[in-house]
Amino acid sequence: MSKSITARRLTAAALTAGALTAALAVPATAADHNHDRRAQRQSVEISRVQYDSPGRDTRSNRSLNKEWVEITNNTRRAVNLDGWTLKDEDGHTYTFRHYRLDGRATVRVHTGQGRDTRHDVYQDRRNYVWDNRSDTATLRNDHRRFVDSESWGHHRHGGRH
């Protein structure tokens, strides 16, 4: 057998093996990419939740304000949150009004009453919102499109968006 035929066969075998490896690697990479949506940081996300107010649940304003959800803007540009909503599974909804979240900043949404600042806003409620056993905090933009959610415990509604 000539050297050129052997070289061509080896080259063809190597190309075939490379093509098969690439074909198998692409679906695995795509699956891994979509597997955990938290692996890729979203522009705006629910970054932390304190759903169980520390200490006894006295329904005092101080206790209510120790229950909160943090929203983080991971981009460098400010995001206008006017009309965005934060909702629990029971339908309690907080709507952001005239609020702009700076780039690389976090705002804490407290349950109780208080004076809104750049870093803290208040739902002005007199009862707890977030269920200590299980609940889902869902963030939607001003077009009612799903942005992010954070769940804990057993999901009563199956974690629907």
C-alpha atoms as a PDB file:
ATOM      1  CA  MET A   1       0.000   0.000   0.000  1.00  0.00           C
ATOM      2  CA  SER A   2       1.371   3.421  -0.864  1.00  0.00           C
ATOM      3  CA  LYS A   3       2.266   6.001   1.756  1.00  0.00           C
ATOM      4  CA  SER A   4      -0.213   8.526   0.332  1.00  0.00           C
ATOM      5  CA  ILE A   5      -3.183   6.112   0.646  1.00  0.00           C
ATOM      6  CA  THR A   6      -2.212   5.296   4.260  1.00  0.00           C
ATOM      7  CA  ALA A   7      -1.849   8.988   5.060  1.00  0.00           C
ATOM      8  CA  ARG A   8      -5.255   9.753   3.516  1.00  0.00           C
ATOM      9  CA  ARG A   9      -6.911   6.942   5.514  1.00  0.00           C
ATOM     10  CA  LEU A  10      -5.329   8.126   8.751  1.00  0.00           C
ATOM     11  CA  THR A  11      -6.393  11.712   8.019  1.00  0.00           C
ATOM     12  CA  ALA A  12      -9.957  10.583   7.245  1.00  0.00           C
ATOM     13  CA  ALA A  13     -10.117   8.530  10.445  1.00  0.00           C
ATOM     14  CA  ALA A  14      -8.839  11.468  12.508  1.00  0.00           C
ATOM     15  CA  LEU A  15     -11.359  13.850  10.913  1.00  0.00           C
ATOM     16  CA  THR A  16     -14.212  11.399  11.514  1.00  0.00           C
ATOM     17  CA  ALA A  17     -13.218  10.942  15.156  1.00  0.00           C
ATOM     18  CA  GLY A  18     -12.965  14.712  15.590  1.00  0.00           C
ATOM     19  CA  ALA A  19     -16.373  15.275  14.011  1.00  0.00           C
ATOM     20  CA  LEU A  20     -17.994  12.654  16.267  1.00  0.00           C
ATOM     21  CA  THR A  21     -16.374  14.144  19.357  1.00  0.00           C
ATOM     22  CA  ALA A  22     -17.580  17.636  18.405  1.00  0.00           C
ATOM     23  CA  ALA A  23     -21.110  16.381  17.673  1.00  0.00           C
ATOM     24  CA  LEU A  24     -21.335  14.690  21.055  1.00  0.00           C
ATOM     25  CA  ALA A  25     -19.826  17.645  22.919  1.00  0.00           C
ATOM     26  CA  VAL A  26     -22.225  20.287  21.569  1.00  0.00           C
ATOM     27  CA  PRO A  27     -25.447  18.857  23.050  1.00  0.00           C
ATOM     28  CA  ALA A  28     -23.760  18.279  26.414  1.00  0.00           C
ATOM     29  CA  THR A  29     -22.533  21.869  26.486  1.00  0.00           C
ATOM     30  CA  ALA A  30     -25.970  23.210  25.537  1.00  0.00           C
ATOM     31  CA  ALA A  31     -27.634  21.065  28.193  1.00  0.00           C
ATOM     32  CA  ASP A  32     -25.153  22.204  30.836  1.00  0.00           C
ATOM     33  CA  HIS A  33     -25.646  25.829  29.758  1.00  0.00           C
ATOM     34  CA  ASN A  34     -29.422  25.681  30.268  1.00  0.00           C
ATOM     35  CA  HIS A  35     -29.368  23.325  33.254  1.00  0.00           C
ATOM     36  CA  ASP A  36     -28.836  25.960  35.924  1.00  0.00           C
ATOM     37  CA  ARG A  37     -30.186  29.397  35.043  1.00  0.00           C
ATOM     38  CA  ARG A  38     -28.399  30.817  38.093  1.00  0.00           C
ATOM     39  CA  ALA A  39     -25.037  29.817  36.601  1.00  0.00           C
ATOM     40  CA  GLN A  40     -25.435  32.737  34.219  1.00  0.00           C
ATOM     41  CA  ARG A  41     -26.130  35.871  36.230  1.00  0.00           C
ATOM     42  CA  GLN A  42     -29.235  37.673  35.146  1.00  0.00           C
ATOM     43  CA  SER A  43     -29.322  41.430  34.653  1.00  0.00           C
ATOM     44  CA  VAL A  44     -31.725  41.868  37.570  1.00  0.00           C
ATOM     45  CA  GLU A  45     -32.321  39.058  40.039  1.00  0.00           C
ATOM     46  CA  ILE A  46     -33.647  38.161  43.453  1.00  0.00           C
ATOM     47  CA  SER A  47     -30.327  37.816  45.233  1.00  0.00           C
ATOM     48  CA  ARG A  48     -31.377  37.038  48.844  1.00  0.00           C
ATOM     49  CA  VAL A  49     -34.536  36.415  50.862  1.00  0.00           C
ATOM     50  CA  GLN A  50     -35.044  36.694  54.621  1.00  0.00           C
ATOM     51  CA  TYR A  51     -38.480  35.044  54.794  1.00  0.00           C
ATOM     52  CA  ASP A  52     -38.388  34.169  58.501  1.00  0.00           C
ATOM     53  CA  SER A  53     -38.044  37.303  60.608  1.00  0.00           C
ATOM     54  CA  PRO A  54     -35.435  36.572  63.317  1.00  0.00           C
ATOM     55  CA  GLY A  55     -36.856  36.170  66.819  1.00  0.00           C
ATOM     56  CA  ARG A  56     -40.511  35.870  67.743  1.00  0.00           C
ATOM     57  CA  ASP A  57     -43.131  36.871  65.178  1.00  0.00           C
ATOM     58  CA  THR A  58     -44.698  39.749  67.122  1.00  0.00           C
ATOM     59  CA  ARG A  59     -46.079  41.606  64.063  1.00  0.00           C
ATOM     60  CA  SER A  60     -44.326  44.728  65.334  1.00  0.00           C
ATOM     61  CA  ASN A  61     -43.050  47.020  62.586  1.00  0.00           C
ATOM     62  CA  ARG A  62     -39.488  46.170  63.631  1.00  0.00           C
ATOM     63  CA  SER A  63     -40.192  42.438  63.251  1.00  0.00           C
ATOM     64  CA  LEU A  64     -42.001  42.940  59.929  1.00  0.00           C
ATOM     65  CA  ASN A  65     -39.042  44.883  58.531  1.00  0.00           C
ATOM     66  CA  LYS A  66     -36.672  42.028  59.364  1.00  0.00           C
ATOM     67  CA  GLU A  67     -38.533  40.067  56.674  1.00  0.00           C
ATOM     68  CA  TRP A  68     -37.226  41.173  53.259  1.00  0.00           C
ATOM     69  CA  VAL A  69     -36.246  40.339  49.694  1.00  0.00           C
ATOM     70  CA  GLU A  70     -33.159  41.749  48.000  1.00  0.00           C
ATOM     71  CA  ILE A  71     -33.187  42.668  44.312  1.00  0.00           C
ATOM     72  CA  THR A  72     -29.782  43.110  42.646  1.00  0.00           C
ATOM     73  CA  ASN A  73     -28.874  44.828  39.381  1.00  0.00           C
ATOM     74  CA  ASN A  74     -25.819  42.971  38.020  1.00  0.00           C
ATOM     75  CA  THR A  75     -25.250  45.378  35.144  1.00  0.00           C
ATOM     76  CA  ARG A  76     -23.318  48.642  35.065  1.00  0.00           C
ATOM     77  CA  ARG A  77     -26.370  50.624  33.934  1.00  0.00           C
ATOM     78  CA  ALA A  78     -29.252  51.764  36.126  1.00  0.00           C
ATOM     79  CA  VAL A  79     -32.573  49.952  35.638  1.00  0.00           C
ATOM     80  CA  ASN A  80     -35.937  51.693  36.006  1.00  0.00           C
ATOM     81  CA  LEU A  81     -38.055  49.384  38.197  1.00  0.00           C
ATOM     82  CA  ASP A  82     -41.169  51.569  37.967  1.00  0.00           C
ATOM     83  CA  GLY A  83     -44.125  49.182  37.578  1.00  0.00           C
ATOM     84  CA  TRP A  84     -42.123  46.023  38.391  1.00  0.00           C
ATOM     85  CA  THR A  85     -43.785  43.662  40.863  1.00  0.00           C
ATOM     86  CA  LEU A  86     -42.635  41.327  43.620  1.00  0.00           C
ATOM     87  CA  LYS A  87     -45.264  38.732  44.501  1.00  0.00           C
ATOM     88  CA  ASP A  88     -45.683  35.738  46.830  1.00  0.00           C
ATOM     89  CA  GLU A  89     -47.666  32.550  46.146  1.00  0.00           C
ATOM     90  CA  ASP A  90     -50.746  33.923  47.945  1.00  0.00           C
ATOM     91  CA  GLY A  91     -50.902  36.935  45.636  1.00  0.00           C
ATOM     92  CA  HIS A  92     -49.497  39.604  47.968  1.00  0.00           C
ATOM     93  CA  THR A  93     -47.943  42.039  45.501  1.00  0.00           C
ATOM     94  CA  TYR A  94     -45.549  44.924  45.951  1.00  0.00           C
ATOM     95  CA  THR A  95     -45.259  47.312  42.997  1.00  0.00           C
ATOM     96  CA  PHE A  96     -42.197  49.502  42.618  1.00  0.00           C
ATOM     97  CA  ARG A  97     -43.140  53.168  42.119  1.00  0.00           C
ATOM     98  CA  HIS A  98     -40.684  55.749  40.793  1.00  0.00           C
ATOM     99  CA  TYR A  99     -37.660  53.644  41.695  1.00  0.00           C
ATOM    100  CA  ARG A 100     -34.402  53.434  39.751  1.00  0.00           C
ATOM    101  CA  LEU A 101     -31.902  50.734  40.772  1.00  0.00           C
ATOM    102  CA  ASP A 102     -28.327  51.861  40.128  1.00  0.00           C
ATOM    103  CA  GLY A 103     -25.868  49.632  38.318  1.00  0.00           C
ATOM    104  CA  ARG A 104     -24.209  46.988  40.489  1.00  0.00           C
ATOM    105  CA  ALA A 105     -26.587  47.915  43.331  1.00  0.00           C
ATOM    106  CA  THR A 106     -29.047  46.081  45.575  1.00  0.00           C
ATOM    107  CA  VAL A 107     -32.340  47.221  47.071  1.00  0.00           C
ATOM    108  CA  ARG A 108     -33.944  45.517  50.052  1.00  0.00           C
ATOM    109  CA  VAL A 109     -37.758  45.296  49.964  1.00  0.00           C
ATOM    110  CA  HIS A 110     -38.983  45.204  53.594  1.00  0.00           C
ATOM    111  CA  THR A 111     -42.454  43.972  54.543  1.00  0.00           C
ATOM    112  CA  GLY A 112     -43.293  46.631  57.150  1.00  0.00           C
ATOM    113  CA  GLN A 113     -43.496  50.390  57.115  1.00  0.00           C
ATOM    114  CA  GLY A 114     -40.672  52.888  56.679  1.00  0.00           C
ATOM    115  CA  ARG A 115     -39.233  55.689  54.585  1.00  0.00           C
ATOM    116  CA  ASP A 116     -37.993  54.576  51.176  1.00  0.00           C
ATOM    117  CA  THR A 117     -34.319  55.221  50.387  1.00  0.00           C
ATOM    118  CA  ARG A 118     -31.971  54.213  47.556  1.00  0.00           C
ATOM    119  CA  HIS A 119     -31.144  50.949  49.352  1.00  0.00           C
ATOM    120  CA  ASP A 120     -34.359  50.132  51.252  1.00  0.00           C
ATOM    121  CA  VAL A 121     -38.019  50.279  50.232  1.00  0.00           C
ATOM    122  CA  TYR A 122     -41.060  49.315  52.278  1.00  0.00           C
ATOM    123  CA  GLN A 123     -44.285  47.485  51.412  1.00  0.00           C
ATOM    124  CA  ASP A 124     -46.105  49.304  54.253  1.00  0.00           C
ATOM    125  CA  ARG A 125     -47.849  46.117  55.414  1.00  0.00           C
ATOM    126  CA  ARG A 126     -49.034  45.272  58.907  1.00  0.00           C
ATOM    127  CA  ASN A 127     -48.809  41.484  58.422  1.00  0.00           C
ATOM    128  CA  TYR A 128     -46.059  39.110  57.295  1.00  0.00           C
ATOM    129  CA  VAL A 129     -45.939  38.260  53.595  1.00  0.00           C
ATOM    130  CA  TRP A 130     -43.443  35.433  53.180  1.00  0.00           C
ATOM    131  CA  ASP A 131     -44.451  31.997  54.480  1.00  0.00           C
ATOM    132  CA  ASN A 132     -41.758  30.534  56.749  1.00  0.00           C
ATOM    133  CA  ARG A 133     -42.340  26.943  55.607  1.00  0.00           C
ATOM    134  CA  SER A 134     -42.613  27.369  51.851  1.00  0.00           C
ATOM    135  CA  ASP A 135     -43.212  30.153  49.390  1.00  0.00           C
ATOM    136  CA  THR A 136     -41.966  31.655  46.158  1.00  0.00           C
ATOM    137  CA  ALA A 137     -40.952  35.258  45.580  1.00  0.00           C
ATOM    138  CA  THR A 138     -41.532  36.166  41.926  1.00  0.00           C
ATOM    139  CA  LEU A 139     -40.190  39.286  40.241  1.00  0.00           C
ATOM    140  CA  ARG A 140     -41.838  40.549  37.044  1.00  0.00           C
ATOM    141  CA  ASN A 141     -41.018  43.598  34.947  1.00  0.00           C
ATOM    142  CA  ASP A 142     -43.417  46.395  33.994  1.00  0.00           C
ATOM    143  CA  HIS A 143     -44.650  44.298  31.032  1.00  0.00           C
ATOM    144  CA  ARG A 144     -45.557  41.436  33.428  1.00  0.00           C
ATOM    145  CA  ARG A 145     -42.738  39.323  32.007  1.00  0.00           C
ATOM    146  CA  PHE A 146     -41.027  36.897  34.362  1.00  0.00           C
ATOM    147  CA  VAL A 147     -37.626  38.155  35.535  1.00  0.00           C
ATOM    148  CA  ASP A 148     -36.662  35.848  38.423  1.00  0.00           C
ATOM    149  CA  SER A 149     -37.989  33.815  41.329  1.00  0.00           C
ATOM    150  CA  GLU A 150     -36.669  32.334  44.531  1.00  0.00           C
ATOM    151  CA  SER A 151     -38.407  29.450  46.305  1.00  0.00           C
ATOM    152  CA  TRP A 152     -37.941  27.680  49.615  1.00  0.00           C
ATOM    153  CA  GLY A 153     -39.576  24.681  51.267  1.00  0.00           C
ATOM    154  CA  HIS A 154     -42.182  22.591  49.459  1.00  0.00           C
ATOM    155  CA  HIS A 155     -43.795  24.534  46.596  1.00  0.00           C
ATOM    156  CA  ARG A 156     -47.566  24.567  47.021  1.00  0.00           C
ATOM    157  CA  HIS A 157     -48.167  25.580  43.421  1.00  0.00           C
ATOM    158  CA  GLY A 158     -45.389  23.561  41.825  1.00  0.00           C
ATOM    159  CA  GLY A 159     -43.173  26.604  41.316  1.00  0.00           C
ATOM    160  CA  ARG A 160     -45.178  27.969  38.396  1.00  0.00           C
ATOM    161  CA  HIS A 161     -44.164  31.285  36.890  1.00  0.00           C
END
